Amino acid sequence: MNFTRSLLAIVLFTSPVLAADQAPSLENYPLKSCVVSDEPLGSMGDAVKYTHREPGKPDRLVLFCCEGCIEDFKGDPAKFLAKLDAAAKAKSGGAGKSGGKAKQESKK
């Protein structure tokens, strides 16, 4: 019984640390401003890193201008993650769109 509890404690306490290490790097982050306040990242000191976790989905790195924005983010994460996804898509040039057109043209 003690072995099981010890093993469970190890899994619970080490998993988040490992997942946070696997988060995307700052170089690939698509925004230069806070996803909540639109203030420039670093305008209030160092940008605040936050790892958003949802069961069954990969962890997401989100940067904020300050600690206070984390609570606003938690109130409606889908809204802010959509903003982050749109910025990532724009930064990559909307790569998904050209692939669809190429397939349509090849069918003609």
PDB file of N, CA and C in Angstrom:
ATOM      1  N   MET A   1       0.831  -1.185   0.000  1.00  0.00           N
ATOM      2  CA  MET A   1       0.000   0.000   0.000  1.00  0.00           C
ATOM      3  C   MET A   1       0.878   1.252   0.000  1.00  0.00           C
ATOM      4  N   ASN A   2       1.936   1.272   0.809  1.00  0.00           N
ATOM      5  CA  ASN A   2       2.826   2.429   0.831  1.00  0.00           C
ATOM      6  C   ASN A   2       3.563   2.576  -0.490  1.00  0.00           C
ATOM      7  N   PHE A   3       3.924   1.448  -1.096  1.00  0.00           N
ATOM      8  CA  PHE A   3       4.601   1.506  -2.388  1.00  0.00           C
ATOM      9  C   PHE A   3       3.704   2.161  -3.437  1.00  0.00           C
ATOM     10  N   THR A   4       2.436   1.792  -3.443  1.00  0.00           N
ATOM     11  CA  THR A   4       1.485   2.357  -4.402  1.00  0.00           C
ATOM     12  C   THR A   4       1.346   3.859  -4.204  1.00  0.00           C
ATOM     13  N   ARG A   5       1.231   4.300  -2.974  1.00  0.00           N
ATOM     14  CA  ARG A   5       1.126   5.734  -2.688  1.00  0.00           C
ATOM     15  C   ARG A   5       2.396   6.466  -3.110  1.00  0.00           C
ATOM     16  N   SER A   6       3.534   5.858  -2.844  1.00  0.00           N
ATOM     17  CA  SER A   6       4.801   6.485  -3.230  1.00  0.00           C
ATOM     18  C   SER A   6       4.906   6.607  -4.741  1.00  0.00           C
ATOM     19  N   LEU A   7       4.533   5.567  -5.435  1.00  0.00           N
ATOM     20  CA  LEU A   7       4.586   5.580  -6.885  1.00  0.00           C
ATOM     21  C   LEU A   7       3.624   6.630  -7.447  1.00  0.00           C
ATOM     22  N   LEU A   8       2.438   6.703  -6.891  1.00  0.00           N
ATOM     23  CA  LEU A   8       1.467   7.692  -7.327  1.00  0.00           C
ATOM     24  C   LEU A   8       1.987   9.109  -7.083  1.00  0.00           C
ATOM     25  N   ALA A   9       2.609   9.336  -5.948  1.00  0.00           N
ATOM     26  CA  ALA A   9       3.166  10.656  -5.638  1.00  0.00           C
ATOM     27  C   ALA A   9       4.265  11.030  -6.624  1.00  0.00           C
ATOM     28  N   ILE A  10       5.088  10.070  -6.986  1.00  0.00           N
ATOM     29  CA  ILE A  10       6.161  10.340  -7.947  1.00  0.00           C
ATOM     30  C   ILE A  10       5.569  10.721  -9.296  1.00  0.00           C
ATOM     31  N   VAL A  11       4.567   9.997  -9.754  1.00  0.00           N
ATOM     32  CA  VAL A  11       3.946  10.281 -11.051  1.00  0.00           C
ATOM     33  C   VAL A  11       3.273  11.648 -11.029  1.00  0.00           C
ATOM     34  N   LEU A  12       2.534  11.933  -9.991  1.00  0.00           N
ATOM     35  CA  LEU A  12       1.812  13.200  -9.914  1.00  0.00           C
ATOM     36  C   LEU A  12       2.737  14.398  -9.832  1.00  0.00           C
ATOM     37  N   PHE A  13       3.820  14.278  -9.119  1.00  0.00           N
ATOM     38  CA  PHE A  13       4.689  15.425  -8.918  1.00  0.00           C
ATOM     39  C   PHE A  13       5.742  15.603 -10.008  1.00  0.00           C
ATOM     40  N   THR A  14       6.055  14.563 -10.744  1.00  0.00           N
ATOM     41  CA  THR A  14       7.056  14.723 -11.803  1.00  0.00           C
ATOM     42  C   THR A  14       6.433  14.952 -13.162  1.00  0.00           C
ATOM     43  N   SER A  15       5.243  14.484 -13.421  1.00  0.00           N
ATOM     44  CA  SER A  15       4.622  14.633 -14.737  1.00  0.00           C
ATOM     45  C   SER A  15       4.478  16.083 -15.168  1.00  0.00           C
ATOM     46  N   PRO A  16       3.954  16.984 -14.331  1.00  0.00           N
ATOM     47  CA  PRO A  16       3.840  18.372 -14.777  1.00  0.00           C
ATOM     48  C   PRO A  16       5.194  18.999 -15.103  1.00  0.00           C
ATOM     49  N   VAL A  17       6.221  18.633 -14.377  1.00  0.00           N
ATOM     50  CA  VAL A  17       7.543  19.191 -14.643  1.00  0.00           C
ATOM     51  C   VAL A  17       8.028  18.730 -16.009  1.00  0.00           C
ATOM     52  N   LEU A  18       7.844  17.460 -16.307  1.00  0.00           N
ATOM     53  CA  LEU A  18       8.260  16.949 -17.607  1.00  0.00           C
ATOM     54  C   LEU A  18       7.450  17.590 -18.720  1.00  0.00           C
ATOM     55  N   ALA A  19       6.151  17.753 -18.517  1.00  0.00           N
ATOM     56  CA  ALA A  19       5.300  18.344 -19.551  1.00  0.00           C
ATOM     57  C   ALA A  19       5.691  19.795 -19.809  1.00  0.00           C
ATOM     58  N   ALA A  20       5.994  20.538 -18.779  1.00  0.00           N
ATOM     59  CA  ALA A  20       6.376  21.939 -18.949  1.00  0.00           C
ATOM     60  C   ALA A  20       7.676  22.054 -19.742  1.00  0.00           C
ATOM     61  N   ASP A  21       8.588  21.113 -19.550  1.00  0.00           N
ATOM     62  CA  ASP A  21       9.837  21.132 -20.303  1.00  0.00           C
ATOM     63  C   ASP A  21       9.602  20.883 -21.788  1.00  0.00           C
ATOM     64  N   GLN A  22       8.509  20.209 -22.119  1.00  0.00           N
ATOM     65  CA  GLN A  22       8.223  19.889 -23.501  1.00  0.00           C
ATOM     66  C   GLN A  22       7.419  20.987 -24.198  1.00  0.00           C
ATOM     67  N   ALA A  23       7.081  22.068 -23.487  1.00  0.00           N
ATOM     68  CA  ALA A  23       6.311  23.164 -24.064  1.00  0.00           C
ATOM     69  C   ALA A  23       7.114  23.836 -25.174  1.00  0.00           C
ATOM     70  N   PRO A  24       6.418  24.437 -26.142  1.00  0.00           N
ATOM     71  CA  PRO A  24       7.121  25.100 -27.243  1.00  0.00           C
ATOM     72  C   PRO A  24       8.084  26.175 -26.745  1.00  0.00           C
ATOM     73  N   SER A  25       9.104  26.431 -27.529  1.00  0.00           N
ATOM     74  CA  SER A  25      10.096  27.420 -27.134  1.00  0.00           C
ATOM     75  C   SER A  25       9.584  28.832 -27.372  1.00  0.00           C
ATOM     76  N   LEU A  26      10.224  29.788 -26.730  1.00  0.00           N
ATOM     77  CA  LEU A  26       9.836  31.189 -26.867  1.00  0.00           C
ATOM     78  C   LEU A  26      10.072  31.706 -28.279  1.00  0.00           C
ATOM     79  N   GLU A  27      11.074  31.158 -28.987  1.00  0.00           N
ATOM     80  CA  GLU A  27      11.361  31.608 -30.344  1.00  0.00           C
ATOM     81  C   GLU A  27      10.174  31.349 -31.273  1.00  0.00           C
ATOM     82  N   ASN A  28       9.422  30.308 -31.007  1.00  0.00           N
ATOM     83  CA  ASN A  28       8.283  29.946 -31.853  1.00  0.00           C
ATOM     84  C   ASN A  28       6.977  30.586 -31.403  1.00  0.00           C
ATOM     85  N   TYR A  29       6.998  31.343 -30.320  1.00  0.00           N
ATOM     86  CA  TYR A  29       5.771  31.935 -29.793  1.00  0.00           C
ATOM     87  C   TYR A  29       5.273  32.994 -30.776  1.00  0.00           C
ATOM     88  N   PRO A  30       4.006  32.951 -31.174  1.00  0.00           N
ATOM     89  CA  PRO A  30       3.530  33.811 -32.263  1.00  0.00           C
ATOM     90  C   PRO A  30       3.194  35.266 -31.906  1.00  0.00           C
ATOM     91  N   LEU A  31       3.080  35.589 -30.638  1.00  0.00           N
ATOM     92  CA  LEU A  31       2.694  36.945 -30.249  1.00  0.00           C
ATOM     93  C   LEU A  31       3.830  37.705 -29.585  1.00  0.00           C
ATOM     94  N   LYS A  32       3.844  38.993 -29.780  1.00  0.00           N
ATOM     95  CA  LYS A  32       4.790  39.875 -29.100  1.00  0.00           C
ATOM     96  C   LYS A  32       4.086  40.660 -27.995  1.00  0.00           C
ATOM     97  N   SER A  33       2.780  40.411 -27.845  1.00  0.00           N
ATOM     98  CA  SER A  33       1.999  41.091 -26.815  1.00  0.00           C
ATOM     99  C   SER A  33       1.219  40.063 -26.001  1.00  0.00           C
ATOM    100  N   CYS A  34       0.740  40.493 -24.856  1.00  0.00           N
ATOM    101  CA  CYS A  34      -0.026  39.643 -23.949  1.00  0.00           C
ATOM    102  C   CYS A  34      -1.329  39.224 -24.625  1.00  0.00           C
ATOM    103  N   VAL A  35      -1.650  37.956 -24.561  1.00  0.00           N
ATOM    104  CA  VAL A  35      -2.854  37.432 -25.196  1.00  0.00           C
ATOM    105  C   VAL A  35      -4.120  37.986 -24.534  1.00  0.00           C
ATOM    106  N   VAL A  36      -4.026  38.468 -23.297  1.00  0.00           N
ATOM    107  CA  VAL A  36      -5.184  39.005 -22.574  1.00  0.00           C
ATOM    108  C   VAL A  36      -5.277  40.518 -22.716  1.00  0.00           C
ATOM    109  N   SER A  37      -4.214  41.234 -22.355  1.00  0.00           N
ATOM    110  CA  SER A  37      -4.276  42.701 -22.281  1.00  0.00           C
ATOM    111  C   SER A  37      -3.769  43.414 -23.536  1.00  0.00           C
ATOM    112  N   ASP A  38      -3.098  42.708 -24.410  1.00  0.00           N
ATOM    113  CA  ASP A  38      -2.454  43.276 -25.603  1.00  0.00           C
ATOM    114  C   ASP A  38      -1.285  44.207 -25.270  1.00  0.00           C
ATOM    115  N   GLU A  39      -0.847  44.222 -24.026  1.00  0.00           N
ATOM    116  CA  GLU A  39       0.346  44.987 -23.646  1.00  0.00           C
ATOM    117  C   GLU A  39       1.579  44.249 -24.179  1.00  0.00           C
ATOM    118  N   PRO A  40       2.620  44.955 -24.587  1.00  0.00           N
ATOM    119  CA  PRO A  40       3.832  44.280 -25.067  1.00  0.00           C
ATOM    120  C   PRO A  40       4.411  43.346 -23.993  1.00  0.00           C
ATOM    121  N   LEU A  41       4.802  42.161 -24.422  1.00  0.00           N
ATOM    122  CA  LEU A  41       5.442  41.233 -23.483  1.00  0.00           C
ATOM    123  C   LEU A  41       6.746  41.853 -23.016  1.00  0.00           C
ATOM    124  N   GLY A  42       6.972  41.844 -21.725  1.00  0.00           N
ATOM    125  CA  GLY A  42       8.166  42.437 -21.150  1.00  0.00           C
ATOM    126  C   GLY A  42       7.962  43.881 -20.728  1.00  0.00           C
ATOM    127  N   SER A  43       6.791  44.442 -20.968  1.00  0.00           N
ATOM    128  CA  SER A  43       6.548  45.837 -20.609  1.00  0.00           C
ATOM    129  C   SER A  43       6.397  46.035 -19.099  1.00  0.00           C
ATOM    130  N   MET A  44       6.158  44.949 -18.387  1.00  0.00           N
ATOM    131  CA  MET A  44       5.996  45.022 -16.930  1.00  0.00           C
ATOM    132  C   MET A  44       6.995  44.088 -16.251  1.00  0.00           C
ATOM    133  N   GLY A  45       8.191  44.041 -16.771  1.00  0.00           N
ATOM    134  CA  GLY A  45       9.191  43.090 -16.298  1.00  0.00           C
ATOM    135  C   GLY A  45       9.221  41.910 -17.253  1.00  0.00           C
ATOM    136  N   ASP A  46       9.786  40.816 -16.809  1.00  0.00           N
ATOM    137  CA  ASP A  46       9.846  39.631 -17.659  1.00  0.00           C
ATOM    138  C   ASP A  46       8.444  39.111 -17.948  1.00  0.00           C
ATOM    139  N   ALA A  47       8.252  38.594 -19.150  1.00  0.00           N
ATOM    140  CA  ALA A  47       6.976  37.972 -19.497  1.00  0.00           C
ATOM    141  C   ALA A  47       6.732  36.787 -18.568  1.00  0.00           C
ATOM    142  N   VAL A  48       5.480  36.590 -18.205  1.00  0.00           N
ATOM    143  CA  VAL A  48       5.105  35.503 -17.304  1.00  0.00           C
ATOM    144  C   VAL A  48       4.736  34.283 -18.143  1.00  0.00           C
ATOM    145  N   LYS A  49       5.446  33.179 -17.924  1.00  0.00           N
ATOM    146  CA  LYS A  49       5.186  31.934 -18.644  1.00  0.00           C
ATOM    147  C   LYS A  49       4.128  31.134 -17.882  1.00  0.00           C
ATOM    148  N   TYR A  50       3.198  30.571 -18.638  1.00  0.00           N
ATOM    149  CA  TYR A  50       2.140  29.754 -18.051  1.00  0.00           C
ATOM    150  C   TYR A  50       1.927  28.551 -18.956  1.00  0.00           C
ATOM    151  N   THR A  51       1.829  27.369 -18.381  1.00  0.00           N
ATOM    152  CA  THR A  51       1.551  26.171 -19.155  1.00  0.00           C
ATOM    153  C   THR A  51       0.090  25.806 -18.947  1.00  0.00           C
ATOM    154  N   HIS A  52      -0.692  25.932 -20.009  1.00  0.00           N
ATOM    155  CA  HIS A  52      -2.118  25.592 -19.955  1.00  0.00           C
ATOM    156  C   HIS A  52      -2.263  24.100 -20.215  1.00  0.00           C
ATOM    157  N   ARG A  53      -2.989  23.428 -19.348  1.00  0.00           N
ATOM    158  CA  ARG A  53      -3.166  21.981 -19.462  1.00  0.00           C
ATOM    159  C   ARG A  53      -4.649  21.644 -19.565  1.00  0.00           C
ATOM    160  N   GLU A  54      -4.957  20.780 -20.523  1.00  0.00           N
ATOM    161  CA  GLU A  54      -6.304  20.242 -20.680  1.00  0.00           C
ATOM    162  C   GLU A  54      -6.165  18.746 -20.870  1.00  0.00           C
ATOM    163  N   PRO A  55      -7.015  17.975 -20.209  1.00  0.00           N
ATOM    164  CA  PRO A  55      -6.939  16.522 -20.375  1.00  0.00           C
ATOM    165  C   PRO A  55      -7.117  16.117 -21.838  1.00  0.00           C
ATOM    166  N   GLY A  56      -6.262  15.236 -22.306  1.00  0.00           N
ATOM    167  CA  GLY A  56      -6.348  14.722 -23.665  1.00  0.00           C
ATOM    168  C   GLY A  56      -5.772  15.632 -24.735  1.00  0.00           C
ATOM    169  N   LYS A  57      -5.215  16.779 -24.340  1.00  0.00           N
ATOM    170  CA  LYS A  57      -4.631  17.706 -25.309  1.00  0.00           C
ATOM    171  C   LYS A  57      -3.199  18.014 -24.895  1.00  0.00           C
ATOM    172  N   PRO A  58      -2.354  18.385 -25.867  1.00  0.00           N
ATOM    173  CA  PRO A  58      -0.978  18.744 -25.499  1.00  0.00           C
ATOM    174  C   PRO A  58      -0.947  20.034 -24.683  1.00  0.00           C
ATOM    175  N   ASP A  59       0.036  20.155 -23.829  1.00  0.00           N
ATOM    176  CA  ASP A  59       0.213  21.376 -23.037  1.00  0.00           C
ATOM    177  C   ASP A  59       0.496  22.544 -23.960  1.00  0.00           C
ATOM    178  N   ARG A  60       0.051  23.728 -23.537  1.00  0.00           N
ATOM    179  CA  ARG A  60       0.246  24.938 -24.344  1.00  0.00           C
ATOM    180  C   ARG A  60       0.986  25.980 -23.533  1.00  0.00           C
ATOM    181  N   LEU A  61       2.007  26.564 -24.116  1.00  0.00           N
ATOM    182  CA  LEU A  61       2.725  27.673 -23.505  1.00  0.00           C
ATOM    183  C   LEU A  61       1.970  28.953 -23.821  1.00  0.00           C
ATOM    184  N   VAL A  62       1.666  29.736 -22.781  1.00  0.00           N
ATOM    185  CA  VAL A  62       1.000  31.023 -22.964  1.00  0.00           C
ATOM    186  C   VAL A  62       1.829  32.044 -22.200  1.00  0.00           C
ATOM    187  N   LEU A  63       2.088  33.194 -22.828  1.00  0.00           N
ATOM    188  CA  LEU A  63       2.856  34.257 -22.192  1.00  0.00           C
ATOM    189  C   LEU A  63       1.951  35.435 -21.862  1.00  0.00           C
ATOM    190  N   PHE A  64       2.193  36.015 -20.699  1.00  0.00           N
ATOM    191  CA  PHE A  64       1.414  37.155 -20.236  1.00  0.00           C
ATOM    192  C   PHE A  64       2.344  38.294 -19.867  1.00  0.00           C
ATOM    193  N   CYS A  65       1.794  39.511 -19.839  1.00  0.00           N
ATOM    194  CA  CYS A  65       2.590  40.670 -19.433  1.00  0.00           C
ATOM    195  C   CYS A  65       2.774  40.701 -17.921  1.00  0.00           C
ATOM    196  N   CYS A  66       1.824  40.102 -17.184  1.00  0.00           N
ATOM    197  CA  CYS A  66       1.892  40.106 -15.715  1.00  0.00           C
ATOM    198  C   CYS A  66       1.092  38.936 -15.151  1.00  0.00           C
ATOM    199  N   GLU A  67       1.285  38.650 -13.890  1.00  0.00           N
ATOM    200  CA  GLU A  67       0.586  37.559 -13.210  1.00  0.00           C
ATOM    201  C   GLU A  67      -0.933  37.746 -13.227  1.00  0.00           C
ATOM    202  N   GLY A  68      -1.397  38.999 -13.155  1.00  0.00           N
ATOM    203  CA  GLY A  68      -2.824  39.271 -13.088  1.00  0.00           C
ATOM    204  C   GLY A  68      -3.602  38.770 -14.294  1.00  0.00           C
ATOM    205  N   CYS A  69      -2.972  38.710 -15.436  1.00  0.00           N
ATOM    206  CA  CYS A  69      -3.661  38.277 -16.651  1.00  0.00           C
ATOM    207  C   CYS A  69      -3.965  36.779 -16.646  1.00  0.00           C
ATOM    208  N   ILE A  70      -3.269  36.010 -15.825  1.00  0.00           N
ATOM    209  CA  ILE A  70      -3.508  34.568 -15.781  1.00  0.00           C
ATOM    210  C   ILE A  70      -4.938  34.274 -15.344  1.00  0.00           C
ATOM    211  N   GLU A  71      -5.439  34.977 -14.344  1.00  0.00           N
ATOM    212  CA  GLU A  71      -6.801  34.742 -13.865  1.00  0.00           C
ATOM    213  C   GLU A  71      -7.829  35.073 -14.941  1.00  0.00           C
ATOM    214  N   ASP A  72      -7.609  36.161 -15.686  1.00  0.00           N
ATOM    215  CA  ASP A  72      -8.518  36.497 -16.784  1.00  0.00           C
ATOM    216  C   ASP A  72      -8.496  35.404 -17.844  1.00  0.00           C
ATOM    217  N   PHE A  73      -7.319  34.887 -18.141  1.00  0.00           N
ATOM    218  CA  PHE A  73      -7.168  33.802 -19.104  1.00  0.00           C
ATOM    219  C   PHE A  73      -7.950  32.570 -18.651  1.00  0.00           C
ATOM    220  N   LYS A  74      -7.822  32.215 -17.384  1.00  0.00           N
ATOM    221  CA  LYS A  74      -8.499  31.029 -16.852  1.00  0.00           C
ATOM    222  C   LYS A  74     -10.022  31.163 -16.914  1.00  0.00           C
ATOM    223  N   GLY A  75     -10.526  32.408 -16.950  1.00  0.00           N
ATOM    224  CA  GLY A  75     -11.962  32.626 -17.039  1.00  0.00           C
ATOM    225  C   GLY A  75     -12.551  32.198 -18.377  1.00  0.00           C
ATOM    226  N   ASP A  76     -11.765  32.267 -19.446  1.00  0.00           N
ATOM    227  CA  ASP A  76     -12.227  31.890 -20.780  1.00  0.00           C
ATOM    228  C   ASP A  76     -11.036  31.482 -21.642  1.00  0.00           C
ATOM    229  N   PRO A  77     -10.386  30.360 -21.302  1.00  0.00           N
ATOM    230  CA  PRO A  77      -9.176  29.987 -22.035  1.00  0.00           C
ATOM    231  C   PRO A  77      -9.409  29.773 -23.526  1.00  0.00           C
ATOM    232  N   ALA A  78     -10.572  29.256 -23.913  1.00  0.00           N
ATOM    233  CA  ALA A  78     -10.831  28.993 -25.335  1.00  0.00           C
ATOM    234  C   ALA A  78     -10.749  30.282 -26.149  1.00  0.00           C
ATOM    235  N   LYS A  79     -11.248  31.367 -25.612  1.00  0.00           N
ATOM    236  CA  LYS A  79     -11.211  32.663 -26.299  1.00  0.00           C
ATOM    237  C   LYS A  79      -9.769  33.090 -26.576  1.00  0.00           C
ATOM    238  N   PHE A  80      -8.929  32.978 -25.565  1.00  0.00           N
ATOM    239  CA  PHE A  80      -7.554  33.440 -25.703  1.00  0.00           C
ATOM    240  C   PHE A  80      -6.694  32.456 -26.498  1.00  0.00           C
ATOM    241  N   LEU A  81      -6.978  31.160 -26.385  1.00  0.00           N
ATOM    242  CA  LEU A  81      -6.249  30.177 -27.181  1.00  0.00           C
ATOM    243  C   LEU A  81      -6.585  30.343 -28.667  1.00  0.00           C
ATOM    244  N   ALA A  82      -7.834  30.723 -28.975  1.00  0.00           N
ATOM    245  CA  ALA A  82      -8.206  30.987 -30.363  1.00  0.00           C
ATOM    246  C   ALA A  82      -7.405  32.166 -30.907  1.00  0.00           C
ATOM    247  N   LYS A  83      -7.210  33.172 -30.096  1.00  0.00           N
ATOM    248  CA  LYS A  83      -6.409  34.339 -30.489  1.00  0.00           C
ATOM    249  C   LYS A  83      -4.957  33.918 -30.734  1.00  0.00           C
ATOM    250  N   LEU A  84      -4.447  33.076 -29.879  1.00  0.00           N
ATOM    251  CA  LEU A  84      -3.084  32.571 -30.016  1.00  0.00           C
ATOM    252  C   LEU A  84      -2.951  31.711 -31.277  1.00  0.00           C
ATOM    253  N   ASP A  85      -3.943  30.861 -31.527  1.00  0.00           N
ATOM    254  CA  ASP A  85      -3.923  30.018 -32.727  1.00  0.00           C
ATOM    255  C   ASP A  85      -3.984  30.846 -34.001  1.00  0.00           C
ATOM    256  N   ALA A  86      -4.802  31.903 -33.999  1.00  0.00           N
ATOM    257  CA  ALA A  86      -4.906  32.777 -35.172  1.00  0.00           C
ATOM    258  C   ALA A  86      -3.574  33.471 -35.447  1.00  0.00           C
ATOM    259  N   ALA A  87      -2.893  33.895 -34.385  1.00  0.00           N
ATOM    260  CA  ALA A  87      -1.586  34.540 -34.552  1.00  0.00           C
ATOM    261  C   ALA A  87      -0.558  33.547 -35.081  1.00  0.00           C
ATOM    262  N   ALA A  88      -0.610  32.310 -34.608  1.00  0.00           N
ATOM    263  CA  ALA A  88       0.324  31.285 -35.083  1.00  0.00           C
ATOM    264  C   ALA A  88       0.082  30.982 -36.561  1.00  0.00           C
ATOM    265  N   LYS A  89      -1.185  30.925 -36.938  1.00  0.00           N
ATOM    266  CA  LYS A  89      -1.526  30.662 -38.336  1.00  0.00           C
ATOM    267  C   LYS A  89      -1.052  31.806 -39.228  1.00  0.00           C
ATOM    268  N   ALA A  90      -1.256  33.038 -38.781  1.00  0.00           N
ATOM    269  CA  ALA A  90      -0.818  34.203 -39.551  1.00  0.00           C
ATOM    270  C   ALA A  90       0.700  34.248 -39.663  1.00  0.00           C
ATOM    271  N   LYS A  91       1.387  33.899 -38.575  1.00  0.00           N
ATOM    272  CA  LYS A  91       2.854  33.919 -38.574  1.00  0.00           C
ATOM    273  C   LYS A  91       3.424  32.887 -39.544  1.00  0.00           C
ATOM    274  N   SER A  92       2.738  31.748 -39.646  1.00  0.00           N
ATOM    275  CA  SER A  92       3.225  30.698 -40.550  1.00  0.00           C
ATOM    276  C   SER A  92       2.791  30.941 -41.985  1.00  0.00           C
ATOM    277  N   GLY A  93       2.029  31.990 -42.202  1.00  0.00           N
ATOM    278  CA  GLY A  93       1.593  32.316 -43.553  1.00  0.00           C
ATOM    279  C   GLY A  93       0.345  31.568 -43.975  1.00  0.00           C
ATOM    280  N   GLY A  94      -0.380  30.980 -43.009  1.00  0.00           N
ATOM    281  CA  GLY A  94      -1.598  30.241 -43.350  1.00  0.00           C
ATOM    282  C   GLY A  94      -1.308  29.066 -44.248  1.00  0.00           C
ATOM    283  N   ALA A  95      -0.299  28.282 -43.903  1.00  0.00           N
ATOM    284  CA  ALA A  95       0.178  27.184 -44.746  1.00  0.00           C
ATOM    285  C   ALA A  95      -0.916  26.204 -45.128  1.00  0.00           C
ATOM    286  N   GLY A  96      -1.931  26.040 -44.305  1.00  0.00           N
ATOM    287  CA  GLY A  96      -2.991  25.082 -44.598  1.00  0.00           C
ATOM    288  C   GLY A  96      -3.823  25.458 -45.802  1.00  0.00           C
ATOM    289  N   LYS A  97      -3.938  26.739 -46.144  1.00  0.00           N
ATOM    290  CA  LYS A  97      -4.789  27.176 -47.246  1.00  0.00           C
ATOM    291  C   LYS A  97      -4.228  26.760 -48.602  1.00  0.00           C
ATOM    292  N   SER A  98      -2.939  26.925 -48.829  1.00  0.00           N
ATOM    293  CA  SER A  98      -2.362  26.631 -50.141  1.00  0.00           C
ATOM    294  C   SER A  98      -2.450  25.150 -50.467  1.00  0.00           C
ATOM    295  N   GLY A  99      -2.344  24.293 -49.455  1.00  0.00           N
ATOM    296  CA  GLY A  99      -2.437  22.857 -49.696  1.00  0.00           C
ATOM    297  C   GLY A  99      -3.793  22.467 -50.237  1.00  0.00           C
ATOM    298  N   GLY A 100      -4.861  23.087 -49.738  1.00  0.00           N
ATOM    299  CA  GLY A 100      -6.206  22.793 -50.207  1.00  0.00           C
ATOM    300  C   GLY A 100      -6.408  23.228 -51.645  1.00  0.00           C
ATOM    301  N   LYS A 101      -5.887  24.382 -52.039  1.00  0.00           N
ATOM    302  CA  LYS A 101      -6.025  24.873 -53.399  1.00  0.00           C
ATOM    303  C   LYS A 101      -5.266  23.984 -54.378  1.00  0.00           C
ATOM    304  N   ALA A 102      -4.099  23.545 -53.981  1.00  0.00           N
ATOM    305  CA  ALA A 102      -3.298  22.690 -54.861  1.00  0.00           C
ATOM    306  C   ALA A 102      -4.034  21.391 -55.146  1.00  0.00           C
ATOM    307  N   LYS A 103      -4.703  20.833 -54.176  1.00  0.00           N
ATOM    308  CA  LYS A 103      -5.449  19.597 -54.384  1.00  0.00           C
ATOM    309  C   LYS A 103      -6.618  19.825 -55.325  1.00  0.00           C
ATOM    310  N   GLN A 104      -7.327  20.952 -55.167  1.00  0.00           N
ATOM    311  CA  GLN A 104      -8.468  21.243 -56.018  1.00  0.00           C
ATOM    312  C   GLN A 104      -8.015  21.429 -57.460  1.00  0.00           C
ATOM    313  N   GLU A 105      -6.919  22.139 -57.685  1.00  0.00           N
ATOM    314  CA  GLU A 105      -6.430  22.388 -59.024  1.00  0.00           C
ATOM    315  C   GLU A 105      -5.972  21.108 -59.701  1.00  0.00           C
ATOM    316  N   SER A 106      -5.404  20.184 -58.931  1.00  0.00           N
ATOM    317  CA  SER A 106      -4.916  18.946 -59.526  1.00  0.00           C
ATOM    318  C   SER A 106      -6.058  18.035 -59.968  1.00  0.00           C
ATOM    319  N   LYS A 107      -7.245  18.227 -59.406  1.00  0.00           N
ATOM    320  CA  LYS A 107      -8.395  17.396 -59.795  1.00  0.00           C
ATOM    321  C   LYS A 107      -8.989  17.831 -61.132  1.00  0.00           C
ATOM    322  N   LYS A 108      -8.744  19.065 -61.550  1.00  0.00           N
ATOM    323  CA  LYS A 108      -9.354  19.591 -62.797  1.00  0.00           C
ATOM    324  C   LYS A 108      -8.762  19.003 -64.027  1.00  0.00           C
TER     325      LYS A 108
END
